[in-house]
Amino acid sequence: MGKEDLIKLVEAEALEGKEFPEFHSGDTVAVHYKIKEGNKERVQVFQGIVIQRKGSGSTQTFTVRKISNSIGVERIFPLFSSNIDKIEVKRKGKVRRARIFYMRDRAGKKARVKEKRV
């Protein structure tokens, strides 16, 4: 067994227990994230637009952007993190590219993404 085989085996174990809905950039998602404060643990919801997905396998990440008190906030989540409780897809967005960084320059009504028609 080579080094690559061991890495693939560990990645497969990490991916086993997690089931998340399919989502892409432009979709509005609510990420339920576990936060540990001292000996307490609570779940915080971070809802916003996915502006990118990056990586593959167990190292996959996604970036969510939201506007909080008229300030843009972005957070990068590892997709297969043990701290992510669940991911809810609120809206499917219609965008024509994989990384929608142009959303950073937009504010107000211009920062909306059209909804994908099913």
PDB file of N, CA and C in Angstrom:
ATOM      1  N   MET A   1       0.833  -1.188   0.000  1.00  0.00           N
ATOM      2  CA  MET A   1       0.000   0.000   0.000  1.00  0.00           C
ATOM      3  C   MET A   1       0.874   1.246   0.000  1.00  0.00           C
ATOM      4  N   GLY A   2       0.621   2.117  -0.980  1.00  0.00           N
ATOM      5  CA  GLY A   2       1.398   3.344  -1.089  1.00  0.00           C
ATOM      6  C   GLY A   2       0.809   4.466  -0.251  1.00  0.00           C
ATOM      7  N   LYS A   3       1.514   5.572  -0.281  1.00  0.00           N
ATOM      8  CA  LYS A   3       1.087   6.745   0.475  1.00  0.00           C
ATOM      9  C   LYS A   3      -0.269   7.267  -0.016  1.00  0.00           C
ATOM     10  N   GLU A   4      -0.455   7.265  -1.361  1.00  0.00           N
ATOM     11  CA  GLU A   4      -1.703   7.767  -1.943  1.00  0.00           C
ATOM     12  C   GLU A   4      -2.894   6.916  -1.522  1.00  0.00           C
ATOM     13  N   ASP A   5      -2.684   5.599  -1.444  1.00  0.00           N
ATOM     14  CA  ASP A   5      -3.769   4.697  -1.045  1.00  0.00           C
ATOM     15  C   ASP A   5      -4.207   4.969   0.394  1.00  0.00           C
ATOM     16  N   LEU A   6      -3.244   5.221   1.284  1.00  0.00           N
ATOM     17  CA  LEU A   6      -3.566   5.524   2.675  1.00  0.00           C
ATOM     18  C   LEU A   6      -4.343   6.839   2.792  1.00  0.00           C
ATOM     19  N   ILE A   7      -3.928   7.833   2.003  1.00  0.00           N
ATOM     20  CA  ILE A   7      -4.620   9.125   2.025  1.00  0.00           C
ATOM     21  C   ILE A   7      -6.058   8.961   1.548  1.00  0.00           C
ATOM     22  N   LYS A   8      -6.262   8.200   0.476  1.00  0.00           N
ATOM     23  CA  LYS A   8      -7.615   7.973  -0.039  1.00  0.00           C
ATOM     24  C   LYS A   8      -8.472   7.215   0.967  1.00  0.00           C
ATOM     25  N   LEU A   9      -7.863   6.280   1.693  1.00  0.00           N
ATOM     26  CA  LEU A   9      -8.587   5.503   2.703  1.00  0.00           C
ATOM     27  C   LEU A   9      -9.056   6.398   3.848  1.00  0.00           C
ATOM     28  N   VAL A  10      -8.179   7.283   4.319  1.00  0.00           N
ATOM     29  CA  VAL A  10      -8.536   8.199   5.399  1.00  0.00           C
ATOM     30  C   VAL A  10      -9.608   9.183   4.935  1.00  0.00           C
ATOM     31  N   GLU A  11      -9.494   9.684   3.692  1.00  0.00           N
ATOM     32  CA  GLU A  11     -10.492  10.601   3.152  1.00  0.00           C
ATOM     33  C   GLU A  11     -11.852   9.925   3.046  1.00  0.00           C
ATOM     34  N   ALA A  12     -11.869   8.676   2.621  1.00  0.00           N
ATOM     35  CA  ALA A  12     -13.133   7.938   2.484  1.00  0.00           C
ATOM     36  C   ALA A  12     -13.807   7.763   3.843  1.00  0.00           C
ATOM     37  N   GLU A  13     -13.019   7.511   4.885  1.00  0.00           N
ATOM     38  CA  GLU A  13     -13.581   7.390   6.236  1.00  0.00           C
ATOM     39  C   GLU A  13     -14.183   8.704   6.704  1.00  0.00           C
ATOM     40  N   ALA A  14     -13.529   9.813   6.374  1.00  0.00           N
ATOM     41  CA  ALA A  14     -14.011  11.129   6.795  1.00  0.00           C
ATOM     42  C   ALA A  14     -15.314  11.491   6.086  1.00  0.00           C
ATOM     43  N   LEU A  15     -15.475  11.036   4.846  1.00  0.00           N
ATOM     44  CA  LEU A  15     -16.653  11.391   4.057  1.00  0.00           C
ATOM     45  C   LEU A  15     -17.859  10.521   4.371  1.00  0.00           C
ATOM     46  N   GLU A  16     -17.666   9.396   5.060  1.00  0.00           N
ATOM     47  CA  GLU A  16     -18.721   8.401   5.242  1.00  0.00           C
ATOM     48  C   GLU A  16     -20.004   8.919   5.878  1.00  0.00           C
ATOM     49  N   GLY A  17     -19.935   9.503   7.070  1.00  0.00           N
ATOM     50  CA  GLY A  17     -21.135   9.817   7.824  1.00  0.00           C
ATOM     51  C   GLY A  17     -21.882  11.064   7.385  1.00  0.00           C
ATOM     52  N   LYS A  18     -21.331  11.852   6.478  1.00  0.00           N
ATOM     53  CA  LYS A  18     -21.918  13.143   6.136  1.00  0.00           C
ATOM     54  C   LYS A  18     -22.771  13.057   4.873  1.00  0.00           C
ATOM     55  N   GLU A  19     -23.997  13.585   4.970  1.00  0.00           N
ATOM     56  CA  GLU A  19     -24.892  13.703   3.826  1.00  0.00           C
ATOM     57  C   GLU A  19     -25.394  15.135   3.767  1.00  0.00           C
ATOM     58  N   PHE A  20     -25.019  15.864   2.732  1.00  0.00           N
ATOM     59  CA  PHE A  20     -25.469  17.241   2.579  1.00  0.00           C
ATOM     60  C   PHE A  20     -26.198  17.387   1.258  1.00  0.00           C
ATOM     61  N   PRO A  21     -27.134  18.336   1.174  1.00  0.00           N
ATOM     62  CA  PRO A  21     -27.822  18.560  -0.105  1.00  0.00           C
ATOM     63  C   PRO A  21     -26.854  19.137  -1.130  1.00  0.00           C
ATOM     64  N   GLU A  22     -27.189  18.965  -2.395  1.00  0.00           N
ATOM     65  CA  GLU A  22     -26.341  19.489  -3.456  1.00  0.00           C
ATOM     66  C   GLU A  22     -26.585  20.989  -3.591  1.00  0.00           C
ATOM     67  N   PHE A  23     -25.528  21.784  -3.590  1.00  0.00           N
ATOM     68  CA  PHE A  23     -25.652  23.225  -3.774  1.00  0.00           C
ATOM     69  C   PHE A  23     -24.458  23.740  -4.543  1.00  0.00           C
ATOM     70  N   HIS A  24     -24.642  24.883  -5.195  1.00  0.00           N
ATOM     71  CA  HIS A  24     -23.611  25.471  -6.041  1.00  0.00           C
ATOM     72  C   HIS A  24     -23.476  26.947  -5.701  1.00  0.00           C
ATOM     73  N   SER A  25     -22.580  27.638  -6.399  1.00  0.00           N
ATOM     74  CA  SER A  25     -22.448  29.071  -6.161  1.00  0.00           C
ATOM     75  C   SER A  25     -23.717  29.764  -6.652  1.00  0.00           C
ATOM     76  N   GLY A  26     -24.112  30.804  -5.936  1.00  0.00           N
ATOM     77  CA  GLY A  26     -25.344  31.513  -6.249  1.00  0.00           C
ATOM     78  C   GLY A  26     -26.524  31.060  -5.410  1.00  0.00           C
ATOM     79  N   ASP A  27     -26.423  29.898  -4.794  1.00  0.00           N
ATOM     80  CA  ASP A  27     -27.513  29.385  -3.949  1.00  0.00           C
ATOM     81  C   ASP A  27     -27.461  30.063  -2.585  1.00  0.00           C
ATOM     82  N   THR A  28     -28.639  30.276  -2.011  1.00  0.00           N
ATOM     83  CA  THR A  28     -28.725  30.805  -0.655  1.00  0.00           C
ATOM     84  C   THR A  28     -28.846  29.623   0.294  1.00  0.00           C
ATOM     85  N   VAL A  29     -27.930  29.522   1.239  1.00  0.00           N
ATOM     86  CA  VAL A  29     -27.911  28.396   2.171  1.00  0.00           C
ATOM     87  C   VAL A  29     -27.908  28.894   3.609  1.00  0.00           C
ATOM     88  N   ALA A  30     -28.400  28.036   4.501  1.00  0.00           N
ATOM     89  CA  ALA A  30     -28.320  28.279   5.938  1.00  0.00           C
ATOM     90  C   ALA A  30     -27.448  27.172   6.514  1.00  0.00           C
ATOM     91  N   VAL A  31     -26.304  27.555   7.073  1.00  0.00           N
ATOM     92  CA  VAL A  31     -25.362  26.593   7.637  1.00  0.00           C
ATOM     93  C   VAL A  31     -25.544  26.579   9.149  1.00  0.00           C
ATOM     94  N   HIS A  32     -25.915  25.444   9.698  1.00  0.00           N
ATOM     95  CA  HIS A  32     -26.071  25.281  11.144  1.00  0.00           C
ATOM     96  C   HIS A  32     -24.720  24.809  11.682  1.00  0.00           C
ATOM     97  N   TYR A  33     -24.036  25.694  12.416  1.00  0.00           N
ATOM     98  CA  TYR A  33     -22.655  25.477  12.833  1.00  0.00           C
ATOM     99  C   TYR A  33     -22.567  25.394  14.352  1.00  0.00           C
ATOM    100  N   LYS A  34     -21.927  24.338  14.857  1.00  0.00           N
ATOM    101  CA  LYS A  34     -21.772  24.153  16.301  1.00  0.00           C
ATOM    102  C   LYS A  34     -20.631  25.032  16.808  1.00  0.00           C
ATOM    103  N   ILE A  35     -20.912  25.773  17.885  1.00  0.00           N
ATOM    104  CA  ILE A  35     -19.910  26.636  18.491  1.00  0.00           C
ATOM    105  C   ILE A  35     -19.733  26.219  19.939  1.00  0.00           C
ATOM    106  N   LYS A  36     -18.477  26.001  20.343  1.00  0.00           N
ATOM    107  CA  LYS A  36     -18.173  25.627  21.722  1.00  0.00           C
ATOM    108  C   LYS A  36     -17.721  26.862  22.488  1.00  0.00           C
ATOM    109  N   GLU A  37     -18.438  27.177  23.567  1.00  0.00           N
ATOM    110  CA  GLU A  37     -18.061  28.292  24.435  1.00  0.00           C
ATOM    111  C   GLU A  37     -17.841  27.726  25.830  1.00  0.00           C
ATOM    112  N   GLY A  38     -16.594  27.582  26.197  1.00  0.00           N
ATOM    113  CA  GLY A  38     -16.275  26.962  27.483  1.00  0.00           C
ATOM    114  C   GLY A  38     -16.677  25.500  27.449  1.00  0.00           C
ATOM    115  N   ASN A  39     -17.576  25.108  28.357  1.00  0.00           N
ATOM    116  CA  ASN A  39     -18.051  23.712  28.350  1.00  0.00           C
ATOM    117  C   ASN A  39     -19.439  23.601  27.719  1.00  0.00           C
ATOM    118  N   LYS A  40     -19.983  24.712  27.229  1.00  0.00           N
ATOM    119  CA  LYS A  40     -21.292  24.704  26.573  1.00  0.00           C
ATOM    120  C   LYS A  40     -21.120  24.604  25.069  1.00  0.00           C
ATOM    121  N   GLU A  41     -22.141  24.085  24.418  1.00  0.00           N
ATOM    122  CA  GLU A  41     -22.138  23.983  22.966  1.00  0.00           C
ATOM    123  C   GLU A  41     -23.487  24.451  22.453  1.00  0.00           C
ATOM    124  N   ARG A  42     -23.459  25.322  21.439  1.00  0.00           N
ATOM    125  CA  ARG A  42     -24.709  25.793  20.846  1.00  0.00           C
ATOM    126  C   ARG A  42     -24.587  25.784  19.343  1.00  0.00           C
ATOM    127  N   VAL A  43     -25.741  25.886  18.672  1.00  0.00           N
ATOM    128  CA  VAL A  43     -25.762  25.872  17.212  1.00  0.00           C
ATOM    129  C   VAL A  43     -26.118  27.274  16.728  1.00  0.00           C
ATOM    130  N   GLN A  44     -25.289  27.814  15.849  1.00  0.00           N
ATOM    131  CA  GLN A  44     -25.526  29.127  15.274  1.00  0.00           C
ATOM    132  C   GLN A  44     -25.792  28.966  13.780  1.00  0.00           C
ATOM    133  N   VAL A  45     -26.772  29.713  13.271  1.00  0.00           N
ATOM    134  CA  VAL A  45     -27.125  29.624  11.858  1.00  0.00           C
ATOM    135  C   VAL A  45     -26.490  30.797  11.119  1.00  0.00           C
ATOM    136  N   PHE A  46     -25.768  30.485  10.049  1.00  0.00           N
ATOM    137  CA  PHE A  46     -25.152  31.501   9.195  1.00  0.00           C
ATOM    138  C   PHE A  46     -25.811  31.370   7.832  1.00  0.00           C
ATOM    139  N   GLN A  47     -26.630  32.342   7.456  1.00  0.00           N
ATOM    140  CA  GLN A  47     -27.375  32.258   6.188  1.00  0.00           C
ATOM    141  C   GLN A  47     -26.864  33.301   5.220  1.00  0.00           C
ATOM    142  N   GLY A  48     -26.574  32.871   3.989  1.00  0.00           N
ATOM    143  CA  GLY A  48     -26.088  33.798   2.970  1.00  0.00           C
ATOM    144  C   GLY A  48     -25.958  33.114   1.629  1.00  0.00           C
ATOM    145  N   ILE A  49     -25.334  33.811   0.695  1.00  0.00           N
ATOM    146  CA  ILE A  49     -25.159  33.315  -0.674  1.00  0.00           C
ATOM    147  C   ILE A  49     -23.804  32.632  -0.784  1.00  0.00           C
ATOM    148  N   VAL A  50     -23.787  31.456  -1.399  1.00  0.00           N
ATOM    149  CA  VAL A  50     -22.534  30.746  -1.647  1.00  0.00           C
ATOM    150  C   VAL A  50     -21.833  31.455  -2.799  1.00  0.00           C
ATOM    151  N   ILE A  51     -20.619  31.978  -2.552  1.00  0.00           N
ATOM    152  CA  ILE A  51     -19.916  32.674  -3.629  1.00  0.00           C
ATOM    153  C   ILE A  51     -18.833  31.817  -4.276  1.00  0.00           C
ATOM    154  N   GLN A  52     -18.470  30.706  -3.633  1.00  0.00           N
ATOM    155  CA  GLN A  52     -17.541  29.784  -4.282  1.00  0.00           C
ATOM    156  C   GLN A  52     -17.529  28.438  -3.575  1.00  0.00           C
ATOM    157  N   ARG A  53     -17.166  27.402  -4.343  1.00  0.00           N
ATOM    158  CA  ARG A  53     -16.841  26.090  -3.787  1.00  0.00           C
ATOM    159  C   ARG A  53     -15.460  25.752  -4.289  1.00  0.00           C
ATOM    160  N   LYS A  54     -14.651  25.175  -3.413  1.00  0.00           N
ATOM    161  CA  LYS A  54     -13.246  24.981  -3.735  1.00  0.00           C
ATOM    162  C   LYS A  54     -12.781  23.631  -3.215  1.00  0.00           C
ATOM    163  N   GLY A  55     -11.847  23.015  -3.909  1.00  0.00           N
ATOM    164  CA  GLY A  55     -11.247  21.770  -3.444  1.00  0.00           C
ATOM    165  C   GLY A  55     -12.017  20.546  -3.897  1.00  0.00           C
ATOM    166  N   SER A  56     -11.538  19.390  -3.432  1.00  0.00           N
ATOM    167  CA  SER A  56     -12.202  18.131  -3.781  1.00  0.00           C
ATOM    168  C   SER A  56     -11.993  17.143  -2.642  1.00  0.00           C
ATOM    169  N   GLY A  57     -12.889  16.185  -2.560  1.00  0.00           N
ATOM    170  CA  GLY A  57     -12.782  15.162  -1.524  1.00  0.00           C
ATOM    171  C   GLY A  57     -13.031  15.732  -0.149  1.00  0.00           C
ATOM    172  N   SER A  58     -12.255  15.304   0.822  1.00  0.00           N
ATOM    173  CA  SER A  58     -12.469  15.726   2.205  1.00  0.00           C
ATOM    174  C   SER A  58     -11.955  17.135   2.478  1.00  0.00           C
ATOM    175  N   THR A  59     -11.198  17.712   1.540  1.00  0.00           N
ATOM    176  CA  THR A  59     -10.658  19.054   1.745  1.00  0.00           C
ATOM    177  C   THR A  59     -11.531  20.129   1.100  1.00  0.00           C
ATOM    178  N   GLN A  60     -12.733  19.772   0.706  1.00  0.00           N
ATOM    179  CA  GLN A  60     -13.618  20.704   0.009  1.00  0.00           C
ATOM    180  C   GLN A  60     -14.122  21.802   0.952  1.00  0.00           C
ATOM    181  N   THR A  61     -14.123  23.043   0.468  1.00  0.00           N
ATOM    182  CA  THR A  61     -14.617  24.169   1.260  1.00  0.00           C
ATOM    183  C   THR A  61     -15.616  24.969   0.428  1.00  0.00           C
ATOM    184  N   PHE A  62     -16.422  25.766   1.117  1.00  0.00           N
ATOM    185  CA  PHE A  62     -17.318  26.693   0.434  1.00  0.00           C
ATOM    186  C   PHE A  62     -17.363  27.993   1.214  1.00  0.00           C
ATOM    187  N   THR A  63     -17.541  29.102   0.490  1.00  0.00           N
ATOM    188  CA  THR A  63     -17.561  30.427   1.091  1.00  0.00           C
ATOM    189  C   THR A  63     -18.971  30.975   1.021  1.00  0.00           C
ATOM    190  N   VAL A  64     -19.481  31.457   2.165  1.00  0.00           N
ATOM    191  CA  VAL A  64     -20.820  32.022   2.248  1.00  0.00           C
ATOM    192  C   VAL A  64     -20.685  33.493   2.605  1.00  0.00           C
ATOM    193  N   ARG A  65     -21.450  34.335   1.893  1.00  0.00           N
ATOM    194  CA  ARG A  65     -21.422  35.784   2.126  1.00  0.00           C
ATOM    195  C   ARG A  65     -22.802  36.264   2.520  1.00  0.00           C
ATOM    196  N   LYS A  66     -22.850  37.100   3.552  1.00  0.00           N
ATOM    197  CA  LYS A  66     -24.107  37.727   3.937  1.00  0.00           C
ATOM    198  C   LYS A  66     -23.832  39.171   4.315  1.00  0.00           C
ATOM    199  N   ILE A  67     -24.896  39.975   4.331  1.00  0.00           N
ATOM    200  CA  ILE A  67     -24.788  41.368   4.746  1.00  0.00           C
ATOM    201  C   ILE A  67     -25.354  41.460   6.157  1.00  0.00           C
ATOM    202  N   SER A  68     -24.538  41.885   7.108  1.00  0.00           N
ATOM    203  CA  SER A  68     -24.953  41.999   8.495  1.00  0.00           C
ATOM    204  C   SER A  68     -24.731  43.439   8.951  1.00  0.00           C
ATOM    205  N   ASN A  69     -25.813  44.142   9.280  1.00  0.00           N
ATOM    206  CA  ASN A  69     -25.753  45.555   9.677  1.00  0.00           C
ATOM    207  C   ASN A  69     -25.022  46.405   8.634  1.00  0.00           C
ATOM    208  N   SER A  70     -25.375  46.212   7.378  1.00  0.00           N
ATOM    209  CA  SER A  70     -24.820  46.903   6.204  1.00  0.00           C
ATOM    210  C   SER A  70     -23.313  46.693   6.031  1.00  0.00           C
ATOM    211  N   ILE A  71     -22.793  45.609   6.598  1.00  0.00           N
ATOM    212  CA  ILE A  71     -21.392  45.227   6.419  1.00  0.00           C
ATOM    213  C   ILE A  71     -21.363  43.816   5.841  1.00  0.00           C
ATOM    214  N   GLY A  72     -20.598  43.632   4.784  1.00  0.00           N
ATOM    215  CA  GLY A  72     -20.484  42.315   4.172  1.00  0.00           C
ATOM    216  C   GLY A  72     -19.631  41.397   5.023  1.00  0.00           C
ATOM    217  N   VAL A  73     -20.158  40.190   5.299  1.00  0.00           N
ATOM    218  CA  VAL A  73     -19.438  39.214   6.112  1.00  0.00           C
ATOM    219  C   VAL A  73     -19.305  37.934   5.298  1.00  0.00           C
ATOM    220  N   GLU A  74     -18.080  37.431   5.180  1.00  0.00           N
ATOM    221  CA  GLU A  74     -17.845  36.169   4.474  1.00  0.00           C
ATOM    222  C   GLU A  74     -17.250  35.170   5.447  1.00  0.00           C
ATOM    223  N   ARG A  75     -17.667  33.922   5.273  1.00  0.00           N
ATOM    224  CA  ARG A  75     -17.134  32.878   6.138  1.00  0.00           C
ATOM    225  C   ARG A  75     -16.840  31.654   5.283  1.00  0.00           C
ATOM    226  N   ILE A  76     -15.693  31.064   5.494  1.00  0.00           N
ATOM    227  CA  ILE A  76     -15.288  29.865   4.755  1.00  0.00           C
ATOM    228  C   ILE A  76     -15.528  28.658   5.643  1.00  0.00           C
ATOM    229  N   PHE A  77     -16.290  27.699   5.131  1.00  0.00           N
ATOM    230  CA  PHE A  77     -16.603  26.479   5.874  1.00  0.00           C
ATOM    231  C   PHE A  77     -15.957  25.281   5.188  1.00  0.00           C
ATOM    232  N   PRO A  78     -15.291  24.393   5.930  1.00  0.00           N
ATOM    233  CA  PRO A  78     -14.904  23.099   5.362  1.00  0.00           C
ATOM    234  C   PRO A  78     -16.172  22.254   5.241  1.00  0.00           C
ATOM    235  N   LEU A  79     -16.415  21.687   4.072  1.00  0.00           N
ATOM    236  CA  LEU A  79     -17.678  20.985   3.832  1.00  0.00           C
ATOM    237  C   LEU A  79     -17.871  19.807   4.774  1.00  0.00           C
ATOM    238  N   PHE A  80     -16.812  19.067   5.047  1.00  0.00           N
ATOM    239  CA  PHE A  80     -16.946  17.867   5.874  1.00  0.00           C
ATOM    240  C   PHE A  80     -16.439  18.102   7.294  1.00  0.00           C
ATOM    241  N   SER A  81     -16.671  19.287   7.816  1.00  0.00           N
ATOM    242  CA  SER A  81     -16.290  19.609   9.186  1.00  0.00           C
ATOM    243  C   SER A  81     -17.241  18.922  10.157  1.00  0.00           C
ATOM    244  N   SER A  82     -16.719  18.479  11.279  1.00  0.00           N
ATOM    245  CA  SER A  82     -17.567  17.843  12.298  1.00  0.00           C
ATOM    246  C   SER A  82     -18.423  18.880  13.009  1.00  0.00           C
ATOM    247  N   ASN A  83     -18.078  20.170  12.869  1.00  0.00           N
ATOM    248  CA  ASN A  83     -18.833  21.235  13.517  1.00  0.00           C
ATOM    249  C   ASN A  83     -20.082  21.652  12.738  1.00  0.00           C
ATOM    250  N   ILE A  84     -20.185  21.260  11.478  1.00  0.00           N
ATOM    251  CA  ILE A  84     -21.382  21.591  10.703  1.00  0.00           C
ATOM    252  C   ILE A  84     -22.464  20.587  11.050  1.00  0.00           C
ATOM    253  N   ASP A  85     -23.556  21.102  11.614  1.00  0.00           N
ATOM    254  CA  ASP A  85     -24.684  20.263  12.008  1.00  0.00           C
ATOM    255  C   ASP A  85     -25.499  19.881  10.782  1.00  0.00           C
ATOM    256  N   LYS A  86     -25.929  20.893  10.015  1.00  0.00           N
ATOM    257  CA  LYS A  86     -26.645  20.623   8.767  1.00  0.00           C
ATOM    258  C   LYS A  86     -26.574  21.846   7.875  1.00  0.00           C
ATOM    259  N   ILE A  87     -26.868  21.623   6.596  1.00  0.00           N
ATOM    260  CA  ILE A  87     -26.898  22.684   5.602  1.00  0.00           C
ATOM    261  C   ILE A  87     -28.265  22.642   4.934  1.00  0.00           C
ATOM    262  N   GLU A  88     -28.964  23.777   4.954  1.00  0.00           N
ATOM    263  CA  GLU A  88     -30.269  23.872   4.293  1.00  0.00           C
ATOM    264  C   GLU A  88     -30.129  24.770   3.079  1.00  0.00           C
ATOM    265  N   VAL A  89     -30.644  24.323   1.930  1.00  0.00           N
ATOM    266  CA  VAL A  89     -30.652  25.157   0.740  1.00  0.00           C
ATOM    267  C   VAL A  89     -31.982  25.905   0.734  1.00  0.00           C
ATOM    268  N   LYS A  90     -31.927  27.232   0.868  1.00  0.00           N
ATOM    269  CA  LYS A  90     -33.128  28.059   0.915  1.00  0.00           C
ATOM    270  C   LYS A  90     -33.621  28.421  -0.484  1.00  0.00           C
ATOM    271  N   ARG A  91     -32.689  28.841  -1.366  1.00  0.00           N
ATOM    272  CA  ARG A  91     -33.021  29.233  -2.732  1.00  0.00           C
ATOM    273  C   ARG A  91     -31.942  28.743  -3.675  1.00  0.00           C
ATOM    274  N   LYS A  92     -32.347  28.341  -4.878  1.00  0.00           N
ATOM    275  CA  LYS A  92     -31.404  27.991  -5.933  1.00  0.00           C
ATOM    276  C   LYS A  92     -31.173  29.229  -6.768  1.00  0.00           C
ATOM    277  N   GLY A  93     -29.927  29.647  -6.908  1.00  0.00           N
ATOM    278  CA  GLY A  93     -29.616  30.852  -7.661  1.00  0.00           C
ATOM    279  C   GLY A  93     -29.195  30.535  -9.080  1.00  0.00           C
ATOM    280  N   LYS A  94     -29.461  31.482  -9.980  1.00  0.00           N
ATOM    281  CA  LYS A  94     -29.080  31.320 -11.380  1.00  0.00           C
ATOM    282  C   LYS A  94     -27.889  32.222 -11.659  1.00  0.00           C
ATOM    283  N   VAL A  95     -26.703  31.643 -11.705  1.00  0.00           N
ATOM    284  CA  VAL A  95     -25.478  32.388 -12.023  1.00  0.00           C
ATOM    285  C   VAL A  95     -24.745  31.656 -13.137  1.00  0.00           C
ATOM    286  N   ARG A  96     -23.870  32.394 -13.826  1.00  0.00           N
ATOM    287  CA  ARG A  96     -23.213  31.822 -14.994  1.00  0.00           C
ATOM    288  C   ARG A  96     -21.732  31.549 -14.778  1.00  0.00           C
ATOM    289  N   ARG A  97     -21.290  31.627 -13.532  1.00  0.00           N
ATOM    290  CA  ARG A  97     -19.895  31.316 -13.252  1.00  0.00           C
ATOM    291  C   ARG A  97     -19.762  30.633 -11.900  1.00  0.00           C
ATOM    292  N   ALA A  98     -18.617  30.011 -11.670  1.00  0.00           N
ATOM    293  CA  ALA A  98     -18.407  29.204 -10.472  1.00  0.00           C
ATOM    294  C   ALA A  98     -18.041  30.051  -9.261  1.00  0.00           C
ATOM    295  N   ARG A  99     -17.337  31.152  -9.487  1.00  0.00           N
ATOM    296  CA  ARG A  99     -16.914  32.011  -8.379  1.00  0.00           C
ATOM    297  C   ARG A  99     -17.471  33.407  -8.617  1.00  0.00           C
ATOM    298  N   ILE A 100     -18.407  33.798  -7.780  1.00  0.00           N
ATOM    299  CA  ILE A 100     -19.112  35.063  -8.020  1.00  0.00           C
ATOM    300  C   ILE A 100     -18.595  36.160  -7.083  1.00  0.00           C
ATOM    301  N   PHE A 101     -17.301  36.487  -7.238  1.00  0.00           N
ATOM    302  CA  PHE A 101     -16.679  37.500  -6.402  1.00  0.00           C
ATOM    303  C   PHE A 101     -17.173  38.899  -6.732  1.00  0.00           C
ATOM    304  N   TYR A 102     -17.834  39.078  -7.876  1.00  0.00           N
ATOM    305  CA  TYR A 102     -18.370  40.388  -8.226  1.00  0.00           C
ATOM    306  C   TYR A 102     -19.469  40.818  -7.256  1.00  0.00           C
ATOM    307  N   MET A 103     -19.992  39.893  -6.458  1.00  0.00           N
ATOM    308  CA  MET A 103     -21.008  40.222  -5.458  1.00  0.00           C
ATOM    309  C   MET A 103     -20.428  41.127  -4.362  1.00  0.00           C
ATOM    310  N   ARG A 104     -19.118  41.097  -4.180  1.00  0.00           N
ATOM    311  CA  ARG A 104     -18.474  41.924  -3.156  1.00  0.00           C
ATOM    312  C   ARG A 104     -18.607  43.409  -3.474  1.00  0.00           C
ATOM    313  N   ASP A 105     -18.675  43.740  -4.749  1.00  0.00           N
ATOM    314  CA  ASP A 105     -18.757  45.138  -5.173  1.00  0.00           C
ATOM    315  C   ASP A 105     -20.185  45.655  -5.239  1.00  0.00           C
ATOM    316  N   ARG A 106     -21.164  44.795  -5.033  1.00  0.00           N
ATOM    317  CA  ARG A 106     -22.561  45.191  -5.189  1.00  0.00           C
ATOM    318  C   ARG A 106     -23.239  45.353  -3.838  1.00  0.00           C
ATOM    319  N   ALA A 107     -24.186  46.285  -3.801  1.00  0.00           N
ATOM    320  CA  ALA A 107     -24.922  46.525  -2.562  1.00  0.00           C
ATOM    321  C   ALA A 107     -26.395  46.729  -2.891  1.00  0.00           C
ATOM    322  N   GLY A 108     -27.246  46.504  -1.923  1.00  0.00           N
ATOM    323  CA  GLY A 108     -28.681  46.741  -2.091  1.00  0.00           C
ATOM    324  C   GLY A 108     -29.329  45.796  -3.079  1.00  0.00           C
ATOM    325  N   LYS A 109     -30.182  46.359  -3.945  1.00  0.00           N
ATOM    326  CA  LYS A 109     -30.930  45.522  -4.891  1.00  0.00           C
ATOM    327  C   LYS A 109     -30.036  44.898  -5.949  1.00  0.00           C
ATOM    328  N   LYS A 110     -28.888  45.509  -6.219  1.00  0.00           N
ATOM    329  CA  LYS A 110     -27.978  44.958  -7.227  1.00  0.00           C
ATOM    330  C   LYS A 110     -27.286  43.695  -6.740  1.00  0.00           C
ATOM    331  N   ALA A 111     -27.309  43.459  -5.439  1.00  0.00           N
ATOM    332  CA  ALA A 111     -26.633  42.294  -4.863  1.00  0.00           C
ATOM    333  C   ALA A 111     -27.542  41.074  -4.840  1.00  0.00           C
ATOM    334  N   ARG A 112     -28.667  41.133  -5.553  1.00  0.00           N
ATOM    335  CA  ARG A 112     -29.563  39.977  -5.587  1.00  0.00           C
ATOM    336  C   ARG A 112     -29.152  39.022  -6.698  1.00  0.00           C
ATOM    337  N   VAL A 113     -29.490  37.755  -6.501  1.00  0.00           N
ATOM    338  CA  VAL A 113     -29.243  36.727  -7.509  1.00  0.00           C
ATOM    339  C   VAL A 113     -30.597  36.223  -7.956  1.00  0.00           C
ATOM    340  N   LYS A 114     -30.783  36.107  -9.281  1.00  0.00           N
ATOM    341  CA  LYS A 114     -32.052  35.589  -9.788  1.00  0.00           C
ATOM    342  C   LYS A 114     -32.245  34.157  -9.341  1.00  0.00           C
ATOM    343  N   GLU A 115     -33.497  33.782  -9.109  1.00  0.00           N
ATOM    344  CA  GLU A 115     -33.799  32.428  -8.675  1.00  0.00           C
ATOM    345  C   GLU A 115     -33.935  31.522  -9.900  1.00  0.00           C
ATOM    346  N   LYS A 116     -33.401  30.321  -9.773  1.00  0.00           N
ATOM    347  CA  LYS A 116     -33.448  29.352 -10.861  1.00  0.00           C
ATOM    348  C   LYS A 116     -34.860  28.796 -10.969  1.00  0.00           C
ATOM    349  N   ARG A 117     -35.402  28.800 -12.171  1.00  0.00           N
ATOM    350  CA  ARG A 117     -36.733  28.251 -12.387  1.00  0.00           C
ATOM    351  C   ARG A 117     -36.635  26.752 -12.569  1.00  0.00           C
ATOM    352  N   VAL A 118     -37.517  26.022 -11.905  1.00  0.00           N
ATOM    353  CA  VAL A 118     -37.456  24.556 -11.962  1.00  0.00           C
ATOM    354  C   VAL A 118     -38.368  24.015 -13.017  1.00  0.00           C
TER     355      VAL A 118
END
